[in-house]
């Protein structure tokens, strides 16, 4: 039972409770990226298997990543900075392509 997956995404059952992974800046950025990919229609809904596109939510996520990039300037490790810049750039390119 200790290794069972929780109903919540990414959690594991330990001592009868759902325990989520450690919160890190990189995990947070990856979560935002995954959310944007979902709203771009590139990741199917895990319950229905269907994809849908919501470019307004994608743009909102990109704006959030841009805000984080500005507000955290000079306070990130090189790895954190690189992943934030990479994901932001990649999502912008995917957004432009999807909006055509």
PDB file of N, CA and C in Angstrom:
ATOM      1  N   UNK A   1       0.818  -1.200   0.000  1.00  0.00           N
ATOM      2  CA  UNK A   1       0.000   0.000   0.000  1.00  0.00           C
ATOM      3  C   UNK A   1       0.861   1.263   0.000  1.00  0.00           C
ATOM      4  N   UNK A   2       2.084   1.204   0.534  1.00  0.00           N
ATOM      5  CA  UNK A   2       2.924   2.395   0.632  1.00  0.00           C
ATOM      6  C   UNK A   2       3.244   3.008  -0.725  1.00  0.00           C
ATOM      7  N   UNK A   3       3.309   2.180  -1.774  1.00  0.00           N
ATOM      8  CA  UNK A   3       3.685   2.692  -3.084  1.00  0.00           C
ATOM      9  C   UNK A   3       2.490   3.002  -3.976  1.00  0.00           C
ATOM     10  N   UNK A   4       1.283   2.885  -3.465  1.00  0.00           N
ATOM     11  CA  UNK A   4       0.107   3.178  -4.272  1.00  0.00           C
ATOM     12  C   UNK A   4       0.075   4.656  -4.623  1.00  0.00           C
ATOM     13  N   UNK A   5      -0.395   4.921  -5.828  1.00  0.00           N
ATOM     14  CA  UNK A   5      -0.565   6.315  -6.252  1.00  0.00           C
ATOM     15  C   UNK A   5      -1.825   6.882  -5.616  1.00  0.00           C
ATOM     16  N   UNK A   6      -1.766   8.128  -5.224  1.00  0.00           N
ATOM     17  CA  UNK A   6      -2.948   8.819  -4.715  1.00  0.00           C
ATOM     18  C   UNK A   6      -3.845   9.182  -5.885  1.00  0.00           C
ATOM     19  N   UNK A   7      -5.056   9.546  -5.571  1.00  0.00           N
ATOM     20  CA  UNK A   7      -5.947  10.051  -6.615  1.00  0.00           C
ATOM     21  C   UNK A   7      -5.494  11.421  -7.082  1.00  0.00           C
ATOM     22  N   UNK A   8      -4.757  12.128  -6.227  1.00  0.00           N
ATOM     23  CA  UNK A   8      -4.233  13.432  -6.630  1.00  0.00           C
ATOM     24  C   UNK A   8      -2.963  13.205  -7.463  1.00  0.00           C
ATOM     25  N   UNK A   9      -2.745  14.037  -8.439  1.00  0.00           N
ATOM     26  CA  UNK A   9      -1.634  13.867  -9.377  1.00  0.00           C
ATOM     27  C   UNK A   9      -0.287  13.907  -8.672  1.00  0.00           C
ATOM     28  N   UNK A  10       0.514  12.877  -8.896  1.00  0.00           N
ATOM     29  CA  UNK A  10       1.884  12.867  -8.425  1.00  0.00           C
ATOM     30  C   UNK A  10       2.097  12.463  -6.982  1.00  0.00           C
ATOM     31  N   UNK A  11       1.035  12.296  -6.208  1.00  0.00           N
ATOM     32  CA  UNK A  11       1.186  11.933  -4.811  1.00  0.00           C
ATOM     33  C   UNK A  11       1.357  10.438  -4.629  1.00  0.00           C
ATOM     34  N   UNK A  12       1.877  10.071  -3.481  1.00  0.00           N
ATOM     35  CA  UNK A  12       2.065   8.671  -3.117  1.00  0.00           C
ATOM     36  C   UNK A  12       1.460   8.463  -1.732  1.00  0.00           C
ATOM     37  N   UNK A  13       0.848   7.308  -1.511  1.00  0.00           N
ATOM     38  CA  UNK A  13       0.265   6.997  -0.207  1.00  0.00           C
ATOM     39  C   UNK A  13       1.376   6.541   0.728  1.00  0.00           C
ATOM     40  N   UNK A  14       1.511   7.228   1.851  1.00  0.00           N
ATOM     41  CA  UNK A  14       2.467   6.846   2.896  1.00  0.00           C
ATOM     42  C   UNK A  14       1.749   6.941   4.220  1.00  0.00           C
ATOM     43  N   UNK A  15       1.793   5.868   4.985  1.00  0.00           N
ATOM     44  CA  UNK A  15       1.116   5.813   6.281  1.00  0.00           C
ATOM     45  C   UNK A  15      -0.355   6.196   6.157  1.00  0.00           C
ATOM     46  N   UNK A  16      -0.977   5.779   5.048  1.00  0.00           N
ATOM     47  CA  UNK A  16      -2.393   6.019   4.849  1.00  0.00           C
ATOM     48  C   UNK A  16      -2.754   7.426   4.401  1.00  0.00           C
ATOM     49  N   UNK A  17      -1.742   8.264   4.121  1.00  0.00           N
ATOM     50  CA  UNK A  17      -2.001   9.643   3.701  1.00  0.00           C
ATOM     51  C   UNK A  17      -1.345   9.906   2.350  1.00  0.00           C
ATOM     52  N   UNK A  18      -1.964  10.803   1.597  1.00  0.00           N
ATOM     53  CA  UNK A  18      -1.403  11.213   0.313  1.00  0.00           C
ATOM     54  C   UNK A  18      -0.291  12.225   0.576  1.00  0.00           C
ATOM     55  N   UNK A  19       0.913  11.905   0.137  1.00  0.00           N
ATOM     56  CA  UNK A  19       2.059  12.790   0.317  1.00  0.00           C
ATOM     57  C   UNK A  19       2.505  13.262  -1.059  1.00  0.00           C
ATOM     58  N   UNK A  20       2.530  14.555  -1.233  1.00  0.00           N
ATOM     59  CA  UNK A  20       2.935  15.148  -2.505  1.00  0.00           C
ATOM     60  C   UNK A  20       4.449  15.324  -2.530  1.00  0.00           C
ATOM     61  N   UNK A  21       5.031  15.379  -3.740  1.00  0.00           N
ATOM     62  CA  UNK A  21       6.472  15.601  -3.846  1.00  0.00           C
ATOM     63  C   UNK A  21       6.859  16.975  -3.301  1.00  0.00           C
ATOM     64  N   UNK A  22       8.140  17.136  -2.996  1.00  0.00           N
ATOM     65  CA  UNK A  22       8.652  18.405  -2.478  1.00  0.00           C
ATOM     66  C   UNK A  22       8.380  19.534  -3.483  1.00  0.00           C
ATOM     67  N   UNK A  23       8.026  20.686  -2.971  1.00  0.00           N
ATOM     68  CA  UNK A  23       7.801  21.853  -3.817  1.00  0.00           C
ATOM     69  C   UNK A  23       9.156  22.515  -4.077  1.00  0.00           C
ATOM     70  N   UNK A  24       9.488  22.630  -5.359  1.00  0.00           N
ATOM     71  CA  UNK A  24      10.711  23.326  -5.762  1.00  0.00           C
ATOM     72  C   UNK A  24      10.343  24.312  -6.865  1.00  0.00           C
ATOM     73  N   UNK A  25      11.216  25.267  -7.106  1.00  0.00           N
ATOM     74  CA  UNK A  25      10.959  26.234  -8.169  1.00  0.00           C
ATOM     75  C   UNK A  25      10.883  25.527  -9.517  1.00  0.00           C
ATOM     76  N   UNK A  26      11.797  24.594  -9.749  1.00  0.00           N
ATOM     77  CA  UNK A  26      11.808  23.862 -11.011  1.00  0.00           C
ATOM     78  C   UNK A  26      10.525  23.054 -11.191  1.00  0.00           C
ATOM     79  N   UNK A  27      10.071  22.383 -10.139  1.00  0.00           N
ATOM     80  CA  UNK A  27       8.827  21.611 -10.225  1.00  0.00           C
ATOM     81  C   UNK A  27       7.640  22.533 -10.510  1.00  0.00           C
ATOM     82  N   UNK A  28       7.647  23.722  -9.919  1.00  0.00           N
ATOM     83  CA  UNK A  28       6.585  24.692 -10.153  1.00  0.00           C
ATOM     84  C   UNK A  28       6.561  25.125 -11.621  1.00  0.00           C
ATOM     85  N   UNK A  29       7.724  25.432 -12.176  1.00  0.00           N
ATOM     86  CA  UNK A  29       7.823  25.838 -13.581  1.00  0.00           C
ATOM     87  C   UNK A  29       7.389  24.693 -14.488  1.00  0.00           C
ATOM     88  N   UNK A  30       7.794  23.489 -14.162  1.00  0.00           N
ATOM     89  CA  UNK A  30       7.399  22.327 -14.963  1.00  0.00           C
ATOM     90  C   UNK A  30       5.887  22.122 -14.910  1.00  0.00           C
ATOM     91  N   UNK A  31       5.294  22.392 -13.776  1.00  0.00           N
ATOM     92  CA  UNK A  31       3.846  22.280 -13.632  1.00  0.00           C
ATOM     93  C   UNK A  31       3.130  23.301 -14.516  1.00  0.00           C
ATOM     94  N   UNK A  32       3.614  24.536 -14.525  1.00  0.00           N
ATOM     95  CA  UNK A  32       3.032  25.565 -15.387  1.00  0.00           C
ATOM     96  C   UNK A  32       3.189  25.181 -16.858  1.00  0.00           C
ATOM     97  N   UNK A  33       4.346  24.639 -17.217  1.00  0.00           N
ATOM     98  CA  UNK A  33       4.593  24.214 -18.587  1.00  0.00           C
ATOM     99  C   UNK A  33       3.621  23.104 -18.990  1.00  0.00           C
ATOM    100  N   UNK A  34       3.436  22.137 -18.118  1.00  0.00           N
ATOM    101  CA  UNK A  34       2.518  21.034 -18.404  1.00  0.00           C
ATOM    102  C   UNK A  34       1.093  21.544 -18.569  1.00  0.00           C
ATOM    103  N   UNK A  35       0.703  22.475 -17.724  1.00  0.00           N
ATOM    104  CA  UNK A  35      -0.623  23.069 -17.824  1.00  0.00           C
ATOM    105  C   UNK A  35      -0.804  23.762 -19.176  1.00  0.00           C
ATOM    106  N   UNK A  36       0.201  24.506 -19.603  1.00  0.00           N
ATOM    107  CA  UNK A  36       0.118  25.200 -20.892  1.00  0.00           C
ATOM    108  C   UNK A  36       0.044  24.200 -22.045  1.00  0.00           C
ATOM    109  N   UNK A  37       0.831  23.133 -21.974  1.00  0.00           N
ATOM    110  CA  UNK A  37       0.783  22.104 -23.024  1.00  0.00           C
ATOM    111  C   UNK A  37      -0.591  21.449 -23.077  1.00  0.00           C
ATOM    112  N   UNK A  38      -1.193  21.246 -21.916  1.00  0.00           N
ATOM    113  CA  UNK A  38      -2.552  20.703 -21.856  1.00  0.00           C
ATOM    114  C   UNK A  38      -3.516  21.647 -22.570  1.00  0.00           C
ATOM    115  N   UNK A  39      -3.421  22.940 -22.269  1.00  0.00           N
ATOM    116  CA  UNK A  39      -4.331  23.918 -22.865  1.00  0.00           C
ATOM    117  C   UNK A  39      -4.019  24.194 -24.338  1.00  0.00           C
ATOM    118  N   UNK A  40      -2.824  23.851 -24.781  1.00  0.00           N
ATOM    119  CA  UNK A  40      -2.506  23.922 -26.201  1.00  0.00           C
ATOM    120  C   UNK A  40      -3.114  22.735 -26.954  1.00  0.00           C
ATOM    121  N   UNK A  41      -3.600  21.757 -26.206  1.00  0.00           N
ATOM    122  CA  UNK A  41      -4.161  20.561 -26.823  1.00  0.00           C
ATOM    123  C   UNK A  41      -3.110  19.517 -27.150  1.00  0.00           C
ATOM    124  N   UNK A  42      -1.932  19.645 -26.568  1.00  0.00           N
ATOM    125  CA  UNK A  42      -0.847  18.706 -26.839  1.00  0.00           C
ATOM    126  C   UNK A  42      -0.808  17.542 -25.846  1.00  0.00           C
ATOM    127  N   UNK A  43      -1.519  17.678 -24.743  1.00  0.00           N
ATOM    128  CA  UNK A  43      -1.614  16.613 -23.736  1.00  0.00           C
ATOM    129  C   UNK A  43      -3.097  16.302 -23.551  1.00  0.00           C
ATOM    130  N   UNK A  44      -3.480  15.042 -23.677  1.00  0.00           N
ATOM    131  CA  UNK A  44      -4.901  14.702 -23.511  1.00  0.00           C
ATOM    132  C   UNK A  44      -5.340  14.741 -22.052  1.00  0.00           C
ATOM    133  N   UNK A  45      -6.617  14.990 -21.876  1.00  0.00           N
ATOM    134  CA  UNK A  45      -7.224  14.924 -20.544  1.00  0.00           C
ATOM    135  C   UNK A  45      -7.073  13.492 -20.039  1.00  0.00           C
ATOM    136  N   UNK A  46      -6.517  13.298 -18.846  1.00  0.00           N
ATOM    137  CA  UNK A  46      -6.294  11.937 -18.359  1.00  0.00           C
ATOM    138  C   UNK A  46      -7.592  11.149 -18.111  1.00  0.00           C
ATOM    139  N   UNK A  47      -8.681  11.847 -17.894  1.00  0.00           N
ATOM    140  CA  UNK A  47      -9.955  11.163 -17.642  1.00  0.00           C
ATOM    141  C   UNK A  47     -10.684  10.787 -18.925  1.00  0.00           C
ATOM    142  N   UNK A  48     -10.643  11.680 -19.920  1.00  0.00           N
ATOM    143  CA  UNK A  48     -11.403  11.442 -21.150  1.00  0.00           C
ATOM    144  C   UNK A  48     -10.530  10.992 -22.315  1.00  0.00           C
ATOM    145  N   UNK A  49      -9.237  11.287 -22.246  1.00  0.00           N
ATOM    146  CA  UNK A  49      -8.346  10.973 -23.357  1.00  0.00           C
ATOM    147  C   UNK A  49      -8.463  11.960 -24.505  1.00  0.00           C
ATOM    148  N   UNK A  50      -9.311  12.958 -24.354  1.00  0.00           N
ATOM    149  CA  UNK A  50      -9.528  13.947 -25.412  1.00  0.00           C
ATOM    150  C   UNK A  50      -8.648  15.176 -25.186  1.00  0.00           C
ATOM    151  N   UNK A  51      -8.371  15.880 -26.276  1.00  0.00           N
ATOM    152  CA  UNK A  51      -7.618  17.121 -26.186  1.00  0.00           C
ATOM    153  C   UNK A  51      -8.532  18.293 -26.516  1.00  0.00           C
ATOM    154  N   UNK A  52      -8.201  19.430 -25.969  1.00  0.00           N
ATOM    155  CA  UNK A  52      -8.936  20.661 -26.245  1.00  0.00           C
ATOM    156  C   UNK A  52      -7.939  21.808 -26.190  1.00  0.00           C
ATOM    157  N   UNK A  53      -8.254  22.884 -26.860  1.00  0.00           N
ATOM    158  CA  UNK A  53      -7.361  24.025 -26.902  1.00  0.00           C
ATOM    159  C   UNK A  53      -8.031  25.253 -26.284  1.00  0.00           C
ATOM    160  N   UNK A  54      -7.288  25.945 -25.426  1.00  0.00           N
ATOM    161  CA  UNK A  54      -7.753  27.195 -24.834  1.00  0.00           C
ATOM    162  C   UNK A  54      -6.580  28.166 -24.844  1.00  0.00           C
ATOM    163  N   UNK A  55      -6.463  28.933 -25.916  1.00  0.00           N
ATOM    164  CA  UNK A  55      -5.317  29.816 -26.089  1.00  0.00           C
ATOM    165  C   UNK A  55      -5.284  30.959 -25.087  1.00  0.00           C
ATOM    166  N   UNK A  56      -6.430  31.337 -24.552  1.00  0.00           N
ATOM    167  CA  UNK A  56      -6.458  32.383 -23.519  1.00  0.00           C
ATOM    168  C   UNK A  56      -5.696  31.903 -22.282  1.00  0.00           C
ATOM    169  N   UNK A  57      -5.924  30.653 -21.882  1.00  0.00           N
ATOM    170  CA  UNK A  57      -5.217  30.115 -20.715  1.00  0.00           C
ATOM    171  C   UNK A  57      -3.736  29.893 -21.013  1.00  0.00           C
ATOM    172  N   UNK A  58      -3.408  29.541 -22.245  1.00  0.00           N
ATOM    173  CA  UNK A  58      -1.997  29.398 -22.617  1.00  0.00           C
ATOM    174  C   UNK A  58      -1.299  30.752 -22.496  1.00  0.00           C
ATOM    175  N   UNK A  59      -1.926  31.789 -23.031  1.00  0.00           N
ATOM    176  CA  UNK A  59      -1.345  33.142 -22.960  1.00  0.00           C
ATOM    177  C   UNK A  59      -1.183  33.589 -21.505  1.00  0.00           C
ATOM    178  N   UNK A  60      -2.156  33.261 -20.670  1.00  0.00           N
ATOM    179  CA  UNK A  60      -2.077  33.617 -19.253  1.00  0.00           C
ATOM    180  C   UNK A  60      -0.881  32.920 -18.593  1.00  0.00           C
ATOM    181  N   UNK A  61      -0.656  31.671 -18.934  1.00  0.00           N
ATOM    182  CA  UNK A  61       0.485  30.947 -18.372  1.00  0.00           C
ATOM    183  C   UNK A  61       1.795  31.544 -18.860  1.00  0.00           C
ATOM    184  N   UNK A  62       1.868  31.899 -20.135  1.00  0.00           N
ATOM    185  CA  UNK A  62       3.073  32.539 -20.665  1.00  0.00           C
ATOM    186  C   UNK A  62       3.321  33.866 -19.954  1.00  0.00           C
ATOM    187  N   UNK A  63       2.271  34.636 -19.751  1.00  0.00           N
ATOM    188  CA  UNK A  63       2.407  35.907 -19.024  1.00  0.00           C
ATOM    189  C   UNK A  63       2.895  35.675 -17.593  1.00  0.00           C
ATOM    190  N   UNK A  64       2.420  34.608 -16.977  1.00  0.00           N
ATOM    191  CA  UNK A  64       2.859  34.257 -15.612  1.00  0.00           C
ATOM    192  C   UNK A  64       4.339  33.906 -15.606  1.00  0.00           C
ATOM    193  N   UNK A  65       4.786  33.137 -16.591  1.00  0.00           N
ATOM    194  CA  UNK A  65       6.202  32.778 -16.684  1.00  0.00           C
ATOM    195  C   UNK A  65       7.060  34.016 -16.942  1.00  0.00           C
ATOM    196  N   UNK A  66       6.577  34.919 -17.797  1.00  0.00           N
ATOM    197  CA  UNK A  66       7.296  36.181 -18.028  1.00  0.00           C
ATOM    198  C   UNK A  66       7.420  36.990 -16.734  1.00  0.00           C
ATOM    199  N   UNK A  67       6.342  37.054 -15.971  1.00  0.00           N
ATOM    200  CA  UNK A  67       6.353  37.757 -14.684  1.00  0.00           C
ATOM    201  C   UNK A  67       7.379  37.128 -13.739  1.00  0.00           C
ATOM    202  N   UNK A  68       7.369  35.809 -13.651  1.00  0.00           N
ATOM    203  CA  UNK A  68       8.328  35.118 -12.781  1.00  0.00           C
ATOM    204  C   UNK A  68       9.764  35.398 -13.222  1.00  0.00           C
ATOM    205  N   UNK A  69       9.968  35.422 -14.528  1.00  0.00           N
ATOM    206  CA  UNK A  69      11.317  35.696 -15.039  1.00  0.00           C
ATOM    207  C   UNK A  69      11.784  37.095 -14.623  1.00  0.00           C
ATOM    208  N   UNK A  70      10.904  38.077 -14.727  1.00  0.00           N
ATOM    209  CA  UNK A  70      11.254  39.443 -14.323  1.00  0.00           C
ATOM    210  C   UNK A  70      11.464  39.554 -12.818  1.00  0.00           C
ATOM    211  N   UNK A  71      10.562  38.988 -12.035  1.00  0.00           N
ATOM    212  CA  UNK A  71      10.580  39.162 -10.581  1.00  0.00           C
ATOM    213  C   UNK A  71      11.676  38.354  -9.887  1.00  0.00           C
ATOM    214  N   UNK A  72      12.161  37.299 -10.543  1.00  0.00           N
ATOM    215  CA  UNK A  72      13.185  36.457  -9.907  1.00  0.00           C
ATOM    216  C   UNK A  72      14.577  36.715 -10.471  1.00  0.00           C
ATOM    217  N   UNK A  73      14.693  37.697 -11.361  1.00  0.00           N
ATOM    218  CA  UNK A  73      15.983  37.990 -12.002  1.00  0.00           C
ATOM    219  C   UNK A  73      17.069  38.192 -10.941  1.00  0.00           C
ATOM    220  N   UNK A  74      18.153  37.460 -11.092  1.00  0.00           N
ATOM    221  CA  UNK A  74      19.272  37.559 -10.160  1.00  0.00           C
ATOM    222  C   UNK A  74      19.126  36.687  -8.920  1.00  0.00           C
ATOM    223  N   UNK A  75      17.998  35.999  -8.777  1.00  0.00           N
ATOM    224  CA  UNK A  75      17.764  35.187  -7.575  1.00  0.00           C
ATOM    225  C   UNK A  75      17.641  33.695  -7.860  1.00  0.00           C
ATOM    226  N   UNK A  76      17.901  33.287  -9.083  1.00  0.00           N
ATOM    227  CA  UNK A  76      17.757  31.878  -9.449  1.00  0.00           C
ATOM    228  C   UNK A  76      19.119  31.237  -9.673  1.00  0.00           C
ATOM    229  N   UNK A  77      19.170  29.926  -9.499  1.00  0.00           N
ATOM    230  CA  UNK A  77      20.374  29.204  -9.883  1.00  0.00           C
ATOM    231  C   UNK A  77      20.437  29.196 -11.404  1.00  0.00           C
ATOM    232  N   UNK A  78      21.584  28.853 -11.955  1.00  0.00           N
ATOM    233  CA  UNK A  78      21.707  28.784 -13.415  1.00  0.00           C
ATOM    234  C   UNK A  78      20.712  27.777 -13.995  1.00  0.00           C
ATOM    235  N   UNK A  79      20.554  26.628 -13.342  1.00  0.00           N
ATOM    236  CA  UNK A  79      19.613  25.611 -13.823  1.00  0.00           C
ATOM    237  C   UNK A  79      18.179  26.130 -13.798  1.00  0.00           C
ATOM    238  N   UNK A  80      17.788  26.803 -12.726  1.00  0.00           N
ATOM    239  CA  UNK A  80      16.428  27.353 -12.626  1.00  0.00           C
ATOM    240  C   UNK A  80      16.196  28.409 -13.699  1.00  0.00           C
ATOM    241  N   UNK A  81      17.173  29.296 -13.878  1.00  0.00           N
ATOM    242  CA  UNK A  81      17.069  30.347 -14.887  1.00  0.00           C
ATOM    243  C   UNK A  81      16.939  29.740 -16.276  1.00  0.00           C
ATOM    244  N   UNK A  82      17.762  28.744 -16.563  1.00  0.00           N
ATOM    245  CA  UNK A  82      17.744  28.121 -17.886  1.00  0.00           C
ATOM    246  C   UNK A  82      16.427  27.414 -18.175  1.00  0.00           C
ATOM    247  N   UNK A  83      15.904  26.688 -17.219  1.00  0.00           N
ATOM    248  CA  UNK A  83      14.643  25.979 -17.452  1.00  0.00           C
ATOM    249  C   UNK A  83      13.496  26.956 -17.611  1.00  0.00           C
ATOM    250  N   UNK A  84      13.493  28.034 -16.840  1.00  0.00           N
ATOM    251  CA  UNK A  84      12.453  29.048 -16.968  1.00  0.00           C
ATOM    252  C   UNK A  84      12.512  29.698 -18.349  1.00  0.00           C
ATOM    253  N   UNK A  85      13.691  30.086 -18.777  1.00  0.00           N
ATOM    254  CA  UNK A  85      13.842  30.715 -20.097  1.00  0.00           C
ATOM    255  C   UNK A  85      13.481  29.749 -21.218  1.00  0.00           C
ATOM    256  N   UNK A  86      13.930  28.502 -21.103  1.00  0.00           N
ATOM    257  CA  UNK A  86      13.668  27.501 -22.140  1.00  0.00           C
ATOM    258  C   UNK A  86      12.175  27.233 -22.282  1.00  0.00           C
ATOM    259  N   UNK A  87      11.502  26.993 -21.167  1.00  0.00           N
ATOM    260  CA  UNK A  87      10.074  26.697 -21.221  1.00  0.00           C
ATOM    261  C   UNK A  87       9.273  27.898 -21.712  1.00  0.00           C
ATOM    262  N   UNK A  88       9.645  29.099 -21.271  1.00  0.00           N
ATOM    263  CA  UNK A  88       8.930  30.300 -21.701  1.00  0.00           C
ATOM    264  C   UNK A  88       9.069  30.490 -23.211  1.00  0.00           C
ATOM    265  N   UNK A  89      10.278  30.367 -23.710  1.00  0.00           N
ATOM    266  CA  UNK A  89      10.515  30.514 -25.149  1.00  0.00           C
ATOM    267  C   UNK A  89       9.756  29.448 -25.933  1.00  0.00           C
ATOM    268  N   UNK A  90       9.856  28.206 -25.498  1.00  0.00           N
ATOM    269  CA  UNK A  90       9.194  27.098 -26.187  1.00  0.00           C
ATOM    270  C   UNK A  90       7.675  27.306 -26.231  1.00  0.00           C
ATOM    271  N   UNK A  91       7.094  27.708 -25.128  1.00  0.00           N
ATOM    272  CA  UNK A  91       5.645  27.924 -25.093  1.00  0.00           C
ATOM    273  C   UNK A  91       5.234  29.090 -25.988  1.00  0.00           C
ATOM    274  N   UNK A  92       6.053  30.129 -26.037  1.00  0.00           N
ATOM    275  CA  UNK A  92       5.750  31.261 -26.918  1.00  0.00           C
ATOM    276  C   UNK A  92       5.731  30.808 -28.377  1.00  0.00           C
ATOM    277  N   UNK A  93       6.686  29.990 -28.767  1.00  0.00           N
ATOM    278  CA  UNK A  93       6.742  29.494 -30.143  1.00  0.00           C
ATOM    279  C   UNK A  93       5.535  28.595 -30.445  1.00  0.00           C
ATOM    280  N   UNK A  94       5.189  27.742 -29.509  1.00  0.00           N
ATOM    281  CA  UNK A  94       4.026  26.857 -29.701  1.00  0.00           C
ATOM    282  C   UNK A  94       2.734  27.669 -29.760  1.00  0.00           C
ATOM    283  N   UNK A  95       2.649  28.716 -28.944  1.00  0.00           N
ATOM    284  CA  UNK A  95       1.461  29.577 -28.924  1.00  0.00           C
ATOM    285  C   UNK A  95       1.306  30.281 -30.275  1.00  0.00           C
ATOM    286  N   UNK A  96       2.383  30.841 -30.785  1.00  0.00           N
ATOM    287  CA  UNK A  96       2.337  31.522 -32.084  1.00  0.00           C
ATOM    288  C   UNK A  96       1.871  30.559 -33.172  1.00  0.00           C
ATOM    289  N   UNK A  97       2.414  29.354 -33.153  1.00  0.00           N
ATOM    290  CA  UNK A  97       2.027  28.342 -34.149  1.00  0.00           C
ATOM    291  C   UNK A  97       0.548  27.990 -34.016  1.00  0.00           C
ATOM    292  N   UNK A  98       0.076  27.810 -32.798  1.00  0.00           N
ATOM    293  CA  UNK A  98      -1.322  27.415 -32.572  1.00  0.00           C
ATOM    294  C   UNK A  98      -2.290  28.545 -32.907  1.00  0.00           C
ATOM    295  N   UNK A  99      -1.843  29.788 -32.736  1.00  0.00           N
ATOM    296  CA  UNK A  99      -2.727  30.923 -32.960  1.00  0.00           C
ATOM    297  C   UNK A  99      -2.889  31.261 -34.451  1.00  0.00           C
ATOM    298  N   UNK A 100      -2.088  30.637 -35.307  1.00  0.00           N
ATOM    299  CA  UNK A 100      -2.179  30.912 -36.763  1.00  0.00           C
ATOM    300  C   UNK A 100      -3.483  30.420 -37.327  1.00  0.00           C
TER     301      UNK A 100
END
